[in-house]
Amino acid sequence: MEVQFFYNLSDPRCINKSLIEGSSFEGQARDQVSIMNPVVLFDTENIIKYNYAYIPEFERYYSIDNIVAYRNNLYEVTMTVDVLMSFRRDILDCVAVVDKQAMQENGDEYIDDGSLVTENVMFTEVLEFEDGFNDSVEYILIVAG
């Protein structure tokens, strides 16, 4: 099984990762291999400097969770699928309705998700009516909006 290794500089939450080109190695999977969390054995050197991989057979990108060294140049690599990078074209081609915005400063005020507070000021003003509305002594007028 061919596995292409990279060094990922991006945040795991990014769709398009910034990858530094690495090397391609042949590995051996156990009897059964998970597409979501593959564990692959490599008999090679210089594999410990990578943190990201692509398996062309599965057409998926993976973040490397753990590397176990057994003996000279024999490594067991445990990976987890990165669904954002693996399916980025499908995700970016989707038409979506924005329900929540991530910008905390200078957010889009036309997307009302309830988290953008522009200004909340309370004004209290007491006005006396000379003639009043009728014979009672007090009136309370509350205006909100």
Protein backbone atom coordinates (compact mmCIF):
# COMPACT_ATOMS: atom_id res chain seq x y z
CA MET A 1 0.00 0.00 0.00
CA GLU A 2 1.47 3.34 -1.05
CA VAL A 3 1.25 6.20 1.47
CA GLN A 4 2.33 9.76 0.70
CA PHE A 5 3.62 11.66 3.73
CA PHE A 6 3.50 15.43 4.32
CA TYR A 7 4.10 17.98 7.03
CA ASN A 8 0.91 19.93 7.80
CA LEU A 9 1.27 23.56 8.92
CA SER A 10 -2.46 24.35 9.07
CA ASP A 11 -5.07 24.35 11.81
CA PRO A 12 -6.98 21.03 11.84
CA ARG A 13 -10.23 22.99 11.33
CA CYS A 14 -9.11 24.38 7.94
CA ILE A 15 -10.52 22.83 4.79
CA ASN A 16 -7.54 23.54 2.51
CA LYS A 17 -4.42 22.52 4.39
CA SER A 18 -0.98 24.01 3.74
CA LEU A 19 1.13 20.89 3.17
CA ILE A 20 4.89 20.66 2.78
CA GLU A 21 5.73 17.93 0.30
CA GLY A 22 7.25 14.87 1.88
CA SER A 23 8.02 11.37 0.67
CA SER A 24 6.11 8.36 -0.55
CA PHE A 25 6.63 4.99 1.14
CA GLU A 26 5.27 1.48 0.68
CA GLY A 27 3.62 0.11 3.79
CA GLN A 28 1.91 -3.07 4.86
CA ALA A 29 -1.49 -3.14 6.46
CA ARG A 30 -2.54 -5.85 8.85
CA ASP A 31 -5.06 -8.47 7.71
CA GLN A 32 -7.85 -5.94 7.97
CA VAL A 33 -7.42 -2.19 7.67
CA SER A 34 -9.91 0.51 8.60
CA ILE A 35 -10.49 3.26 6.05
CA MET A 36 -11.32 5.70 8.84
CA ASN A 37 -8.42 4.81 11.20
CA PRO A 38 -5.77 2.81 9.33
CA VAL A 39 -2.74 1.29 11.06
CA VAL A 40 0.12 0.64 8.62
CA LEU A 41 3.62 -0.83 9.12
CA PHE A 42 6.60 0.76 7.35
CA ASP A 43 10.12 -0.61 7.03
CA THR A 44 11.90 2.65 6.27
CA GLU A 45 13.67 5.56 7.90
CA ASN A 46 12.87 9.26 8.32
CA ILE A 47 9.16 8.68 8.84
CA ILE A 48 8.89 10.29 12.27
CA LYS A 49 9.14 13.87 10.98
CA TYR A 50 5.75 13.77 9.21
CA ASN A 51 2.33 14.52 10.70
CA TYR A 52 0.04 14.10 7.69
CA ALA A 53 -0.54 11.45 5.01
CA TYR A 54 -2.51 10.64 1.87
CA ILE A 55 -3.46 7.09 0.83
CA PRO A 56 -4.27 7.05 -2.92
CA GLU A 57 -5.96 3.64 -2.64
CA PHE A 58 -8.55 5.10 -0.23
CA GLU A 59 -8.54 8.61 -1.80
CA ARG A 60 -8.38 10.18 1.66
CA TYR A 61 -6.11 12.42 3.70
CA TYR A 62 -5.10 11.44 7.23
CA SER A 63 -3.60 13.09 10.28
CA ILE A 64 -0.98 10.94 11.96
CA ASP A 65 -1.99 10.21 15.55
CA ASN A 66 0.84 7.96 16.70
CA ILE A 67 4.09 6.42 15.46
CA VAL A 68 5.44 3.35 17.30
CA ALA A 69 9.04 2.26 16.65
CA TYR A 70 9.52 -1.54 16.98
CA ARG A 71 13.10 -2.04 15.84
CA ASN A 72 15.55 -0.43 13.43
CA ASN A 73 13.48 1.34 10.77
CA LEU A 74 10.23 -0.56 11.49
CA TYR A 75 7.39 1.80 12.40
CA GLU A 76 3.67 1.34 13.02
CA VAL A 77 1.74 4.47 12.02
CA THR A 78 -1.77 5.09 13.36
CA MET A 79 -3.84 7.60 11.38
CA THR A 80 -7.27 9.25 11.52
CA VAL A 81 -9.11 10.41 8.42
CA ASP A 82 -9.32 14.18 7.84
CA VAL A 83 -12.80 14.53 6.37
CA LEU A 84 -12.41 18.26 5.69
CA MET A 85 -9.39 17.83 3.42
CA SER A 86 -10.58 14.51 1.95
CA PHE A 87 -13.93 15.91 0.83
CA ARG A 88 -12.98 19.59 0.41
CA ARG A 89 -14.23 19.82 -3.19
CA ASP A 90 -17.67 18.51 -2.21
CA ILE A 91 -17.80 20.83 0.80
CA LEU A 92 -16.75 23.92 -1.15
CA ASP A 93 -19.26 23.16 -3.93
CA CYS A 94 -22.19 23.14 -1.48
CA VAL A 95 -24.69 25.97 -1.41
CA ALA A 96 -25.39 26.80 2.21
CA VAL A 97 -27.48 29.07 4.39
CA VAL A 98 -25.29 30.64 7.07
CA ASP A 99 -26.76 30.06 10.51
CA LYS A 100 -23.77 31.01 12.65
CA GLN A 101 -20.83 33.29 12.00
CA ALA A 102 -17.35 32.83 13.40
CA MET A 103 -16.12 36.42 13.20
CA GLN A 104 -16.10 37.84 16.70
CA GLU A 105 -14.97 41.33 15.76
CA ASN A 106 -16.48 43.22 12.85
CA GLY A 107 -18.88 40.39 12.09
CA ASP A 108 -21.44 40.57 9.33
CA GLU A 109 -24.32 42.41 10.99
CA TYR A 110 -26.74 41.22 8.29
CA ILE A 111 -26.39 37.63 9.53
CA ASP A 112 -28.44 37.66 12.71
CA ASP A 113 -27.43 34.61 14.69
CA GLY A 114 -28.13 36.26 18.03
CA SER A 115 -24.49 36.47 19.09
CA LEU A 116 -23.58 39.86 17.59
CA VAL A 117 -24.39 42.57 20.14
CA THR A 118 -24.08 46.01 18.61
CA GLU A 119 -25.19 48.31 21.43
CA ASN A 120 -27.48 48.00 24.40
CA VAL A 121 -28.14 51.33 26.13
CA MET A 122 -30.98 52.06 28.54
CA PHE A 123 -32.43 55.57 28.71
CA THR A 124 -34.69 56.65 31.55
CA GLU A 125 -36.45 59.99 31.33
CA VAL A 126 -39.21 61.41 33.52
CA LEU A 127 -41.56 63.95 31.94
CA GLU A 128 -44.29 65.79 33.78
CA PHE A 129 -47.58 66.43 32.03
CA GLU A 130 -49.08 69.75 33.03
CA ASP A 131 -52.71 68.84 32.53
CA GLY A 132 -52.48 65.06 32.89
CA PHE A 133 -54.69 62.55 31.08
CA ASN A 134 -57.55 62.50 33.59
CA ASP A 135 -58.15 62.97 37.32
CA SER A 136 -55.76 60.26 38.59
CA VAL A 137 -52.47 61.33 40.10
CA GLU A 138 -49.90 59.08 38.40
CA TYR A 139 -49.26 57.62 34.96
CA ILE A 140 -46.51 55.21 33.98
CA LEU A 141 -45.52 55.20 30.33
CA ILE A 142 -43.12 52.52 29.16
CA VAL A 143 -41.70 52.53 25.66
CA ALA A 144 -39.54 49.67 24.46
CA GLY A 145 -37.93 49.39 21.08
